[in-house]
Amino acid sequence: MSVSYPTIWWVIAGLLVAAELFSTTFYMLVLALGAAAGAIAAHFGLSLPAQIVVFCLVGGGGTALWHFKRARAPRSAPVASNRDAQMDIGGRVRVERWEADRSSAVLYRGATWTARLRADGPAEPGEHEIVAVEGNHLIVARAQPR
């Protein structure tokens, strides 16, 4: 019993899709598309070297295109200061006084939090805006008037 080239290509495509489930990147799916293109090339009767070239062009080319697309895409902010990940960013707190280590106890959402002043901000009491959350500390900066 011999296995045909299209069958081998489809098995490779399936294995790449399964590998995608573990790697959670998009690259394995693009390579799986290349293997599917190799299988289609085999169905059309192209020689094995031509099938490999089709696989390399589709899989490798698609991987390179995806890599360059992702490299040019804007990066999201770090989780500590990402408004999509931290609902507290943009919230306002009132600081009565600052300690020597540039921290203060503030009331926010009905609980007492430790607020730390952003490195470049002046340690003055008043209205401050949350710019990041690091653990259970609020990183704040002087609020701009609304």
N, C-alpha and C. Protein backbone atom coordinates (compact mmCIF):
# COMPACT_ATOMS: atom_id res chain seq x y z
N MET A 1 0.85 -1.18 0.00
CA MET A 1 0.00 0.00 0.00
C MET A 1 0.89 1.24 0.00
N SER A 2 0.59 2.15 -0.88
CA SER A 2 1.36 3.39 -0.91
C SER A 2 0.42 4.56 -0.66
N VAL A 3 0.96 5.57 -0.07
CA VAL A 3 0.19 6.77 0.26
C VAL A 3 0.51 7.81 -0.80
N SER A 4 -0.52 8.46 -1.30
CA SER A 4 -0.31 9.46 -2.35
C SER A 4 0.20 10.77 -1.76
N TYR A 5 0.84 11.56 -2.63
CA TYR A 5 1.36 12.86 -2.18
C TYR A 5 0.27 13.80 -1.65
N PRO A 6 -0.88 13.88 -2.31
CA PRO A 6 -1.92 14.76 -1.74
C PRO A 6 -2.30 14.38 -0.31
N THR A 7 -2.38 13.08 -0.05
CA THR A 7 -2.72 12.62 1.30
C THR A 7 -1.66 13.06 2.31
N ILE A 8 -0.40 12.93 1.91
CA ILE A 8 0.69 13.35 2.80
C ILE A 8 0.59 14.85 3.09
N TRP A 9 0.33 15.65 2.04
CA TRP A 9 0.21 17.09 2.24
C TRP A 9 -0.97 17.43 3.16
N TRP A 10 -2.10 16.75 2.99
CA TRP A 10 -3.26 17.02 3.86
C TRP A 10 -2.98 16.63 5.30
N VAL A 11 -2.25 15.54 5.50
CA VAL A 11 -1.87 15.15 6.86
C VAL A 11 -0.95 16.20 7.47
N ILE A 12 0.02 16.68 6.69
CA ILE A 12 0.91 17.74 7.18
C ILE A 12 0.11 18.98 7.54
N ALA A 13 -0.85 19.34 6.69
CA ALA A 13 -1.69 20.51 6.98
C ALA A 13 -2.46 20.31 8.29
N GLY A 14 -3.01 19.13 8.48
CA GLY A 14 -3.73 18.83 9.72
C GLY A 14 -2.84 18.89 10.95
N LEU A 15 -1.61 18.37 10.82
CA LEU A 15 -0.67 18.42 11.94
C LEU A 15 -0.28 19.86 12.26
N LEU A 16 -0.13 20.69 11.23
CA LEU A 16 0.20 22.10 11.47
C LEU A 16 -0.96 22.83 12.15
N VAL A 17 -2.18 22.50 11.77
CA VAL A 17 -3.34 23.10 12.45
C VAL A 17 -3.37 22.65 13.91
N ALA A 18 -3.08 21.38 14.16
CA ALA A 18 -3.04 20.89 15.54
C ALA A 18 -1.92 21.58 16.32
N ALA A 19 -0.78 21.78 15.69
CA ALA A 19 0.32 22.49 16.35
C ALA A 19 -0.07 23.92 16.67
N GLU A 20 -0.91 24.51 15.83
CA GLU A 20 -1.40 25.87 16.06
C GLU A 20 -2.18 25.96 17.37
N LEU A 21 -2.91 24.92 17.69
CA LEU A 21 -3.70 24.92 18.93
C LEU A 21 -2.80 25.01 20.16
N PHE A 22 -1.59 24.48 20.07
CA PHE A 22 -0.66 24.52 21.19
C PHE A 22 0.21 25.77 21.18
N SER A 23 0.53 26.28 20.01
CA SER A 23 1.44 27.43 19.94
C SER A 23 0.70 28.76 20.08
N THR A 24 -0.56 28.79 19.75
CA THR A 24 -1.42 29.98 19.79
C THR A 24 -0.84 31.16 19.01
N THR A 25 -0.15 30.87 17.93
CA THR A 25 0.29 31.92 17.01
C THR A 25 -0.42 31.69 15.70
N PHE A 26 -0.38 32.66 14.86
CA PHE A 26 -1.05 32.54 13.56
C PHE A 26 -0.14 31.89 12.52
N TYR A 27 1.15 31.81 12.82
CA TYR A 27 2.13 31.34 11.84
C TYR A 27 1.88 29.90 11.40
N MET A 28 1.51 29.03 12.32
CA MET A 28 1.27 27.62 11.96
C MET A 28 0.09 27.49 11.01
N LEU A 29 -0.92 28.35 11.17
CA LEU A 29 -2.05 28.30 10.25
C LEU A 29 -1.63 28.71 8.84
N VAL A 30 -0.74 29.68 8.75
CA VAL A 30 -0.26 30.11 7.44
C VAL A 30 0.54 28.98 6.80
N LEU A 31 1.37 28.29 7.59
CA LEU A 31 2.10 27.15 7.06
C LEU A 31 1.14 26.02 6.66
N ALA A 32 0.05 25.86 7.41
CA ALA A 32 -0.96 24.87 7.04
C ALA A 32 -1.59 25.22 5.70
N LEU A 33 -1.79 26.52 5.45
CA LEU A 33 -2.29 26.94 4.13
C LEU A 33 -1.29 26.58 3.04
N GLY A 34 0.00 26.72 3.35
CA GLY A 34 1.02 26.32 2.39
C GLY A 34 0.97 24.82 2.11
N ALA A 35 0.76 24.02 3.15
CA ALA A 35 0.64 22.57 2.96
C ALA A 35 -0.62 22.23 2.15
N ALA A 36 -1.69 22.96 2.38
CA ALA A 36 -2.91 22.75 1.59
C ALA A 36 -2.66 23.12 0.13
N ALA A 37 -1.89 24.19 -0.09
CA ALA A 37 -1.54 24.56 -1.47
C ALA A 37 -0.67 23.47 -2.10
N GLY A 38 0.22 22.87 -1.30
CA GLY A 38 1.01 21.74 -1.80
C GLY A 38 0.13 20.56 -2.16
N ALA A 39 -0.90 20.31 -1.37
CA ALA A 39 -1.83 19.22 -1.66
C ALA A 39 -2.60 19.49 -2.94
N ILE A 40 -3.02 20.72 -3.13
CA ILE A 40 -3.75 21.07 -4.36
C ILE A 40 -2.83 20.94 -5.57
N ALA A 41 -1.57 21.34 -5.39
CA ALA A 41 -0.60 21.18 -6.47
C ALA A 41 -0.42 19.70 -6.80
N ALA A 42 -0.43 18.84 -5.78
CA ALA A 42 -0.31 17.40 -6.02
C ALA A 42 -1.55 16.86 -6.73
N HIS A 43 -2.72 17.38 -6.38
CA HIS A 43 -3.95 16.97 -7.06
C HIS A 43 -3.91 17.34 -8.55
N PHE A 44 -3.24 18.45 -8.88
CA PHE A 44 -3.12 18.86 -10.28
C PHE A 44 -2.02 18.11 -11.01
N GLY A 45 -1.32 17.23 -10.32
CA GLY A 45 -0.32 16.39 -10.96
C GLY A 45 1.06 17.01 -11.07
N LEU A 46 1.35 18.08 -10.34
CA LEU A 46 2.69 18.67 -10.36
C LEU A 46 3.67 17.70 -9.70
N SER A 47 4.92 17.80 -10.08
CA SER A 47 5.95 16.93 -9.51
C SER A 47 6.20 17.29 -8.05
N LEU A 48 6.87 16.38 -7.33
CA LEU A 48 7.15 16.63 -5.93
C LEU A 48 7.97 17.90 -5.72
N PRO A 49 9.03 18.14 -6.50
CA PRO A 49 9.75 19.41 -6.30
C PRO A 49 8.86 20.64 -6.53
N ALA A 50 7.96 20.57 -7.49
CA ALA A 50 7.04 21.69 -7.73
C ALA A 50 6.07 21.86 -6.55
N GLN A 51 5.64 20.76 -5.98
CA GLN A 51 4.76 20.82 -4.80
C GLN A 51 5.47 21.49 -3.63
N ILE A 52 6.74 21.13 -3.44
CA ILE A 52 7.52 21.73 -2.36
C ILE A 52 7.71 23.22 -2.59
N VAL A 53 7.93 23.60 -3.86
CA VAL A 53 8.08 25.02 -4.18
C VAL A 53 6.77 25.76 -3.88
N VAL A 54 5.65 25.18 -4.24
CA VAL A 54 4.34 25.80 -3.95
C VAL A 54 4.16 25.95 -2.44
N PHE A 55 4.50 24.89 -1.69
CA PHE A 55 4.40 24.96 -0.23
C PHE A 55 5.27 26.09 0.32
N CYS A 56 6.51 26.18 -0.16
CA CYS A 56 7.43 27.21 0.33
C CYS A 56 6.95 28.61 -0.04
N LEU A 57 6.45 28.77 -1.26
CA LEU A 57 5.99 30.09 -1.68
C LEU A 57 4.77 30.54 -0.88
N VAL A 58 3.79 29.66 -0.75
CA VAL A 58 2.56 30.03 -0.05
C VAL A 58 2.81 30.10 1.46
N GLY A 59 3.38 29.04 2.02
CA GLY A 59 3.60 29.01 3.47
C GLY A 59 4.65 30.00 3.93
N GLY A 60 5.80 30.00 3.28
CA GLY A 60 6.87 30.92 3.66
C GLY A 60 6.53 32.36 3.34
N GLY A 61 5.97 32.58 2.16
CA GLY A 61 5.58 33.93 1.78
C GLY A 61 4.50 34.49 2.68
N GLY A 62 3.51 33.66 2.99
CA GLY A 62 2.44 34.10 3.89
C GLY A 62 2.96 34.38 5.29
N THR A 63 3.89 33.55 5.76
CA THR A 63 4.49 33.78 7.08
C THR A 63 5.26 35.09 7.09
N ALA A 64 6.04 35.35 6.04
CA ALA A 64 6.80 36.59 5.97
C ALA A 64 5.86 37.80 5.91
N LEU A 65 4.81 37.71 5.11
CA LEU A 65 3.85 38.82 5.03
C LEU A 65 3.18 39.07 6.38
N TRP A 66 2.80 38.01 7.06
CA TRP A 66 2.16 38.16 8.37
C TRP A 66 3.13 38.78 9.37
N HIS A 67 4.39 38.35 9.33
CA HIS A 67 5.40 38.90 10.23
C HIS A 67 5.58 40.40 10.00
N PHE A 68 5.69 40.82 8.75
CA PHE A 68 5.87 42.24 8.45
C PHE A 68 4.62 43.05 8.79
N LYS A 69 3.45 42.46 8.60
CA LYS A 69 2.21 43.15 8.97
C LYS A 69 2.17 43.39 10.47
N ARG A 70 2.52 42.37 11.25
CA ARG A 70 2.51 42.52 12.71
C ARG A 70 3.58 43.48 13.19
N ALA A 71 4.73 43.50 12.51
CA ALA A 71 5.82 44.39 12.92
C ALA A 71 5.43 45.85 12.73
N ARG A 72 4.62 46.14 11.72
CA ARG A 72 4.20 47.52 11.46
C ARG A 72 2.99 47.94 12.27
N ALA A 73 2.28 47.00 12.85
CA ALA A 73 1.07 47.33 13.61
C ALA A 73 1.45 48.06 14.89
N PRO A 74 0.63 49.01 15.31
CA PRO A 74 0.93 49.73 16.55
C PRO A 74 0.87 48.77 17.75
N ARG A 75 1.78 48.97 18.66
CA ARG A 75 1.83 48.15 19.88
C ARG A 75 0.87 48.72 20.90
N SER A 76 0.24 47.83 21.65
CA SER A 76 -0.63 48.30 22.72
C SER A 76 0.23 48.69 23.92
N ALA A 77 -0.33 49.49 24.76
CA ALA A 77 0.38 49.94 25.96
C ALA A 77 0.62 48.75 26.89
N PRO A 78 1.63 48.84 27.75
CA PRO A 78 1.83 47.77 28.74
C PRO A 78 0.58 47.60 29.58
N VAL A 79 0.37 46.41 30.10
CA VAL A 79 -0.86 46.11 30.84
C VAL A 79 -1.07 47.08 32.00
N ALA A 80 0.00 47.47 32.67
CA ALA A 80 -0.14 48.36 33.83
C ALA A 80 -0.76 49.70 33.45
N SER A 81 -0.52 50.16 32.22
CA SER A 81 -1.07 51.46 31.81
C SER A 81 -2.00 51.35 30.61
N ASN A 82 -2.51 50.18 30.33
CA ASN A 82 -3.40 49.96 29.21
C ASN A 82 -4.84 50.13 29.67
N ARG A 83 -5.50 51.10 29.11
CA ARG A 83 -6.88 51.40 29.50
C ARG A 83 -7.84 50.24 29.16
N ASP A 84 -7.49 49.44 28.16
CA ASP A 84 -8.32 48.29 27.81
C ASP A 84 -8.22 47.18 28.85
N ALA A 85 -7.10 47.11 29.57
CA ALA A 85 -6.88 46.05 30.55
C ALA A 85 -7.15 46.52 31.98
N GLN A 86 -7.05 47.80 32.24
CA GLN A 86 -7.23 48.35 33.58
C GLN A 86 -8.34 49.38 33.56
N MET A 87 -9.46 49.04 34.16
CA MET A 87 -10.60 49.96 34.14
C MET A 87 -10.38 51.20 34.99
N ASP A 88 -9.39 51.18 35.88
CA ASP A 88 -9.16 52.32 36.77
C ASP A 88 -8.40 53.46 36.12
N ILE A 89 -7.73 53.21 35.01
CA ILE A 89 -6.95 54.26 34.37
C ILE A 89 -7.89 55.37 33.90
N GLY A 90 -7.51 56.58 34.23
CA GLY A 90 -8.35 57.73 33.93
C GLY A 90 -9.21 58.15 35.10
N GLY A 91 -9.31 57.29 36.12
CA GLY A 91 -10.07 57.64 37.31
C GLY A 91 -9.36 58.75 38.08
N ARG A 92 -10.10 59.44 38.90
CA ARG A 92 -9.52 60.56 39.66
C ARG A 92 -9.59 60.26 41.15
N VAL A 93 -8.54 60.69 41.83
CA VAL A 93 -8.47 60.55 43.28
C VAL A 93 -8.02 61.88 43.87
N ARG A 94 -8.36 62.07 45.12
CA ARG A 94 -7.95 63.30 45.82
C ARG A 94 -6.86 62.92 46.82
N VAL A 95 -5.71 63.57 46.69
CA VAL A 95 -4.58 63.33 47.58
C VAL A 95 -4.51 64.49 48.56
N GLU A 96 -4.59 64.16 49.85
CA GLU A 96 -4.54 65.19 50.89
C GLU A 96 -3.09 65.58 51.20
N ARG A 97 -2.20 64.57 51.28
CA ARG A 97 -0.79 64.86 51.54
C ARG A 97 0.06 63.69 51.05
N TRP A 98 1.29 64.00 50.70
CA TRP A 98 2.25 63.00 50.22
C TRP A 98 3.24 62.65 51.31
N GLU A 99 3.62 61.40 51.38
CA GLU A 99 4.66 60.95 52.30
C GLU A 99 6.02 61.23 51.66
N ALA A 100 7.09 61.03 52.43
CA ALA A 100 8.44 61.29 51.92
C ALA A 100 8.80 60.36 50.75
N ASP A 101 8.22 59.16 50.72
CA ASP A 101 8.52 58.22 49.63
C ASP A 101 7.61 58.41 48.42
N ARG A 102 6.93 59.55 48.34
CA ARG A 102 6.03 59.92 47.24
C ARG A 102 4.84 58.98 47.14
N SER A 103 4.34 58.51 48.25
CA SER A 103 3.14 57.68 48.28
C SER A 103 2.10 58.35 49.17
N SER A 104 0.86 57.91 49.04
CA SER A 104 -0.23 58.47 49.82
C SER A 104 -1.35 57.45 49.90
N ALA A 105 -2.10 57.51 50.98
CA ALA A 105 -3.30 56.68 51.11
C ALA A 105 -4.46 57.50 50.54
N VAL A 106 -5.19 56.91 49.58
CA VAL A 106 -6.31 57.61 48.96
C VAL A 106 -7.55 56.74 49.00
N LEU A 107 -8.69 57.37 49.00
CA LEU A 107 -9.96 56.66 48.95
C LEU A 107 -10.38 56.58 47.49
N TYR A 108 -10.57 55.36 47.01
CA TYR A 108 -10.96 55.16 45.61
C TYR A 108 -11.90 53.97 45.53
N ARG A 109 -13.04 54.14 44.93
CA ARG A 109 -14.08 53.11 44.79
C ARG A 109 -14.44 52.48 46.13
N GLY A 110 -14.53 53.30 47.16
CA GLY A 110 -14.98 52.83 48.47
C GLY A 110 -13.93 52.10 49.29
N ALA A 111 -12.68 52.11 48.86
CA ALA A 111 -11.62 51.43 49.60
C ALA A 111 -10.39 52.32 49.66
N THR A 112 -9.53 52.04 50.62
CA THR A 112 -8.29 52.79 50.74
C THR A 112 -7.22 52.12 49.90
N TRP A 113 -6.61 52.89 49.04
CA TRP A 113 -5.55 52.39 48.15
C TRP A 113 -4.26 53.17 48.46
N THR A 114 -3.15 52.58 48.08
CA THR A 114 -1.89 53.30 48.13
C THR A 114 -1.64 53.88 46.76
N ALA A 115 -1.48 55.18 46.72
CA ALA A 115 -1.18 55.86 45.46
C ALA A 115 0.28 56.26 45.47
N ARG A 116 0.93 56.05 44.35
CA ARG A 116 2.32 56.49 44.19
C ARG A 116 2.35 57.52 43.07
N LEU A 117 3.13 58.54 43.29
CA LEU A 117 3.23 59.60 42.30
C LEU A 117 4.14 59.17 41.16
N ARG A 118 3.70 59.45 39.94
CA ARG A 118 4.53 59.15 38.78
C ARG A 118 5.86 59.88 38.93
N ALA A 119 6.92 59.30 38.42
CA ALA A 119 8.29 59.80 38.66
C ALA A 119 8.48 61.26 38.29
N ASP A 120 7.81 61.73 37.25
CA ASP A 120 8.07 63.10 36.79
C ASP A 120 7.11 64.14 37.38
N GLY A 121 6.24 63.72 38.30
CA GLY A 121 5.24 64.65 38.80
C GLY A 121 5.65 65.35 40.09
N PRO A 122 5.17 66.58 40.29
CA PRO A 122 5.44 67.28 41.55
C PRO A 122 4.56 66.73 42.67
N ALA A 123 5.11 66.61 43.86
CA ALA A 123 4.38 66.05 45.01
C ALA A 123 3.56 67.15 45.68
N GLU A 124 2.43 67.46 45.07
CA GLU A 124 1.53 68.47 45.61
C GLU A 124 0.18 67.83 45.87
N PRO A 125 -0.49 68.21 46.96
CA PRO A 125 -1.82 67.67 47.22
C PRO A 125 -2.81 68.19 46.18
N GLY A 126 -3.92 67.49 46.08
CA GLY A 126 -4.97 67.92 45.16
C GLY A 126 -5.49 66.77 44.32
N GLU A 127 -6.15 67.13 43.25
CA GLU A 127 -6.78 66.16 42.34
C GLU A 127 -5.71 65.51 41.47
N HIS A 128 -5.72 64.17 41.42
CA HIS A 128 -4.77 63.41 40.60
C HIS A 128 -5.53 62.40 39.75
N GLU A 129 -4.93 62.05 38.62
CA GLU A 129 -5.52 61.08 37.70
C GLU A 129 -4.70 59.80 37.72
N ILE A 130 -5.37 58.67 37.70
CA ILE A 130 -4.69 57.37 37.69
C ILE A 130 -4.16 57.13 36.28
N VAL A 131 -2.85 56.89 36.16
CA VAL A 131 -2.23 56.66 34.86
C VAL A 131 -1.77 55.22 34.69
N ALA A 132 -1.68 54.46 35.79
CA ALA A 132 -1.28 53.05 35.72
C ALA A 132 -1.67 52.37 37.02
N VAL A 133 -1.73 51.05 36.97
CA VAL A 133 -1.98 50.24 38.17
C VAL A 133 -0.88 49.20 38.22
N GLU A 134 -0.11 49.21 39.29
CA GLU A 134 0.96 48.22 39.49
C GLU A 134 0.66 47.45 40.75
N GLY A 135 0.21 46.21 40.58
CA GLY A 135 -0.20 45.41 41.73
C GLY A 135 -1.40 46.06 42.39
N ASN A 136 -1.24 46.42 43.68
CA ASN A 136 -2.35 47.11 44.38
C ASN A 136 -2.01 48.56 44.64
N HIS A 137 -1.11 49.12 43.81
CA HIS A 137 -0.76 50.54 43.90
C HIS A 137 -1.30 51.28 42.68
N LEU A 138 -1.87 52.44 42.95
CA LEU A 138 -2.31 53.31 41.87
C LEU A 138 -1.17 54.28 41.56
N ILE A 139 -0.78 54.36 40.31
CA ILE A 139 0.23 55.33 39.88
C ILE A 139 -0.55 56.54 39.37
N VAL A 140 -0.27 57.68 39.97
CA VAL A 140 -1.07 58.87 39.65
C VAL A 140 -0.19 60.02 39.16
N ALA A 141 -0.82 60.94 38.47
CA ALA A 141 -0.18 62.16 37.99
C ALA A 141 -1.16 63.30 38.26
N ARG A 142 -0.64 64.49 38.36
CA ARG A 142 -1.48 65.66 38.60
C ARG A 142 -2.55 65.74 37.52
N ALA A 143 -3.80 65.89 37.92
CA ALA A 143 -4.92 65.91 36.98
C ALA A 143 -4.99 67.26 36.27
N GLN A 144 -5.29 67.20 35.00
CA GLN A 144 -5.53 68.42 34.22
C GLN A 144 -6.98 68.85 34.47
N PRO A 145 -7.23 70.15 34.53
CA PRO A 145 -8.61 70.61 34.73
C PRO A 145 -9.49 70.14 33.58
N ARG A 146 -10.72 69.79 33.92
CA ARG A 146 -11.67 69.31 32.88
C ARG A 146 -12.37 70.46 32.25
